Amino acid sequence: MSWNVYMILCSDNTLYTGISKDVDRRVLQHARQRGAKYFRARRPKRLVYLESGHSRSTASRREAVI
């Protein structure tokens, strides 16, 4: 399974960028406030960007670039 880089639009109109092998599961975790601390103060609105086909290393580097 390949790694994905994703971006979520948040309730305060900021963007959150992350990486995951299972983006659907990860977005659900964010919505349930079980993921990143970033979502304790804001709610995810929708997934706005998805880039697939990465290794863990290239996904992490791409996340840092974004």
N, C-alpha and C. Protein backbone atom coordinates (compact mmCIF):
# COMPACT_ATOMS: atom_id res chain seq x y z
N MET A 1 0.85 -1.18 0.00
CA MET A 1 0.00 0.00 0.00
C MET A 1 0.89 1.24 0.00
N SER A 2 0.56 2.21 -0.83
CA SER A 2 1.38 3.42 -0.92
C SER A 2 0.88 4.49 0.04
N TRP A 3 1.74 5.44 0.28
CA TRP A 3 1.42 6.56 1.16
C TRP A 3 0.80 7.70 0.35
N ASN A 4 -0.05 8.47 1.02
CA ASN A 4 -0.74 9.60 0.41
C ASN A 4 -0.43 10.88 1.17
N VAL A 5 -0.42 11.98 0.46
CA VAL A 5 -0.34 13.31 1.05
C VAL A 5 -1.72 13.92 0.85
N TYR A 6 -2.27 14.50 1.92
CA TYR A 6 -3.63 15.05 1.83
C TYR A 6 -3.70 16.41 2.49
N MET A 7 -4.72 17.17 2.10
CA MET A 7 -4.96 18.48 2.67
C MET A 7 -6.44 18.57 3.04
N ILE A 8 -6.71 19.09 4.23
CA ILE A 8 -8.07 19.25 4.71
C ILE A 8 -8.33 20.72 4.96
N LEU A 9 -9.46 21.21 4.47
CA LEU A 9 -9.92 22.56 4.78
C LEU A 9 -10.61 22.50 6.14
N CYS A 10 -10.23 23.40 7.04
CA CYS A 10 -10.77 23.40 8.40
C CYS A 10 -11.83 24.48 8.58
N SER A 11 -12.55 24.38 9.69
CA SER A 11 -13.66 25.29 9.98
C SER A 11 -13.24 26.75 10.07
N ASP A 12 -11.96 27.01 10.37
CA ASP A 12 -11.48 28.39 10.43
C ASP A 12 -10.79 28.81 9.13
N ASN A 13 -11.04 28.04 8.06
CA ASN A 13 -10.51 28.28 6.72
C ASN A 13 -8.99 28.14 6.62
N THR A 14 -8.37 27.43 7.56
CA THR A 14 -6.97 27.08 7.43
C THR A 14 -6.88 25.72 6.74
N LEU A 15 -5.70 25.38 6.30
CA LEU A 15 -5.46 24.09 5.66
C LEU A 15 -4.54 23.25 6.53
N TYR A 16 -4.88 21.99 6.67
CA TYR A 16 -4.05 21.03 7.40
C TYR A 16 -3.52 20.04 6.39
N THR A 17 -2.23 19.77 6.44
CA THR A 17 -1.60 18.80 5.54
C THR A 17 -1.09 17.63 6.34
N GLY A 18 -1.32 16.42 5.84
CA GLY A 18 -0.85 15.22 6.53
C GLY A 18 -0.52 14.12 5.54
N ILE A 19 -0.04 13.00 6.08
CA ILE A 19 0.25 11.83 5.26
C ILE A 19 -0.41 10.62 5.91
N SER A 20 -0.80 9.66 5.10
CA SER A 20 -1.43 8.45 5.61
C SER A 20 -1.48 7.39 4.52
N LYS A 21 -1.54 6.14 4.93
CA LYS A 21 -1.77 5.05 3.99
C LYS A 21 -3.27 4.90 3.73
N ASP A 22 -4.10 5.28 4.70
CA ASP A 22 -5.55 5.16 4.60
C ASP A 22 -6.18 6.52 4.91
N VAL A 23 -6.35 7.33 3.89
CA VAL A 23 -6.81 8.70 4.06
C VAL A 23 -8.23 8.75 4.62
N ASP A 24 -9.13 7.88 4.17
CA ASP A 24 -10.50 7.88 4.68
C ASP A 24 -10.52 7.67 6.19
N ARG A 25 -9.76 6.69 6.65
CA ARG A 25 -9.69 6.42 8.09
C ARG A 25 -9.11 7.62 8.84
N ARG A 26 -8.08 8.22 8.28
CA ARG A 26 -7.41 9.34 8.94
C ARG A 26 -8.32 10.56 9.02
N VAL A 27 -9.05 10.85 7.96
CA VAL A 27 -9.98 11.99 7.97
C VAL A 27 -11.05 11.76 9.03
N LEU A 28 -11.53 10.54 9.14
CA LEU A 28 -12.51 10.20 10.17
C LEU A 28 -11.93 10.40 11.57
N GLN A 29 -10.69 10.02 11.77
CA GLN A 29 -10.03 10.25 13.06
C GLN A 29 -9.96 11.74 13.37
N HIS A 30 -9.62 12.54 12.38
CA HIS A 30 -9.58 13.99 12.59
C HIS A 30 -10.96 14.51 12.96
N ALA A 31 -11.98 14.05 12.28
CA ALA A 31 -13.35 14.51 12.54
C ALA A 31 -13.80 14.14 13.96
N ARG A 32 -13.29 13.02 14.47
CA ARG A 32 -13.64 12.57 15.83
C ARG A 32 -12.66 13.09 16.87
N GLN A 33 -11.78 14.00 16.45
CA GLN A 33 -10.76 14.60 17.30
C GLN A 33 -9.86 13.55 17.94
N ARG A 34 -9.54 12.52 17.19
CA ARG A 34 -8.66 11.46 17.66
C ARG A 34 -7.33 11.48 16.90
N GLY A 35 -7.15 12.46 16.06
CA GLY A 35 -5.93 12.54 15.28
C GLY A 35 -5.02 13.63 15.83
N ALA A 36 -4.61 14.51 14.99
CA ALA A 36 -3.67 15.57 15.34
C ALA A 36 -4.28 16.58 16.32
N LYS A 37 -3.44 17.14 17.16
CA LYS A 37 -3.87 18.15 18.13
C LYS A 37 -4.44 19.38 17.42
N TYR A 38 -4.04 19.58 16.19
CA TYR A 38 -4.51 20.72 15.40
C TYR A 38 -6.03 20.79 15.38
N PHE A 39 -6.69 19.64 15.41
CA PHE A 39 -8.14 19.60 15.29
C PHE A 39 -8.87 19.73 16.62
N ARG A 40 -8.15 19.96 17.69
CA ARG A 40 -8.83 20.20 18.97
C ARG A 40 -9.47 21.57 19.01
N ALA A 41 -8.92 22.51 18.26
CA ALA A 41 -9.43 23.88 18.25
C ALA A 41 -10.26 24.21 17.01
N ARG A 42 -10.35 23.29 16.08
CA ARG A 42 -11.09 23.53 14.82
C ARG A 42 -11.61 22.20 14.31
N ARG A 43 -12.57 22.27 13.44
CA ARG A 43 -13.18 21.07 12.86
C ARG A 43 -12.79 20.93 11.39
N PRO A 44 -12.56 19.72 10.93
CA PRO A 44 -12.31 19.52 9.50
C PRO A 44 -13.61 19.70 8.72
N LYS A 45 -13.53 20.42 7.60
CA LYS A 45 -14.70 20.61 6.75
C LYS A 45 -14.73 19.60 5.61
N ARG A 46 -13.62 19.55 4.86
CA ARG A 46 -13.59 18.60 3.73
C ARG A 46 -12.16 18.40 3.24
N LEU A 47 -11.97 17.26 2.62
CA LEU A 47 -10.70 16.94 1.98
C LEU A 47 -10.63 17.75 0.69
N VAL A 48 -9.56 18.51 0.51
CA VAL A 48 -9.45 19.37 -0.67
C VAL A 48 -8.32 18.98 -1.61
N TYR A 49 -7.43 18.08 -1.15
CA TYR A 49 -6.30 17.70 -1.99
C TYR A 49 -5.84 16.31 -1.60
N LEU A 50 -5.51 15.49 -2.59
CA LEU A 50 -5.00 14.15 -2.35
C LEU A 50 -3.96 13.82 -3.42
N GLU A 51 -2.82 13.37 -2.96
CA GLU A 51 -1.72 13.00 -3.85
C GLU A 51 -1.24 11.62 -3.41
N SER A 52 -1.32 10.64 -4.29
CA SER A 52 -0.98 9.27 -3.90
C SER A 52 0.28 8.77 -4.61
N GLY A 53 0.69 7.56 -4.25
CA GLY A 53 1.81 6.91 -4.92
C GLY A 53 3.16 7.17 -4.31
N HIS A 54 3.19 7.59 -3.05
CA HIS A 54 4.46 7.91 -2.39
C HIS A 54 4.93 6.76 -1.50
N SER A 55 6.23 6.75 -1.22
CA SER A 55 6.77 5.95 -0.12
C SER A 55 6.61 6.83 1.13
N ARG A 56 6.84 6.26 2.29
CA ARG A 56 6.73 7.06 3.52
C ARG A 56 7.69 8.25 3.48
N SER A 57 8.86 8.01 2.99
CA SER A 57 9.89 9.04 2.92
C SER A 57 9.50 10.17 1.96
N THR A 58 9.06 9.83 0.76
CA THR A 58 8.71 10.88 -0.21
C THR A 58 7.44 11.61 0.22
N ALA A 59 6.52 10.91 0.88
CA ALA A 59 5.29 11.56 1.38
C ALA A 59 5.66 12.58 2.45
N SER A 60 6.55 12.23 3.34
CA SER A 60 6.99 13.16 4.40
C SER A 60 7.69 14.38 3.81
N ARG A 61 8.53 14.14 2.81
CA ARG A 61 9.22 15.27 2.16
C ARG A 61 8.22 16.17 1.44
N ARG A 62 7.27 15.57 0.76
CA ARG A 62 6.25 16.36 0.03
C ARG A 62 5.39 17.16 0.99
N GLU A 63 5.03 16.56 2.13
CA GLU A 63 4.26 17.27 3.15
C GLU A 63 5.03 18.49 3.63
N ALA A 64 6.32 18.33 3.84
CA ALA A 64 7.15 19.45 4.31
C ALA A 64 7.23 20.56 3.27
N VAL A 65 7.27 20.19 2.00
CA VAL A 65 7.31 21.19 0.92
C VAL A 65 6.02 21.98 0.88
N ILE A 66 4.91 21.28 0.99
CA ILE A 66 3.59 21.92 0.94
C ILE A 66 3.44 22.84 2.14
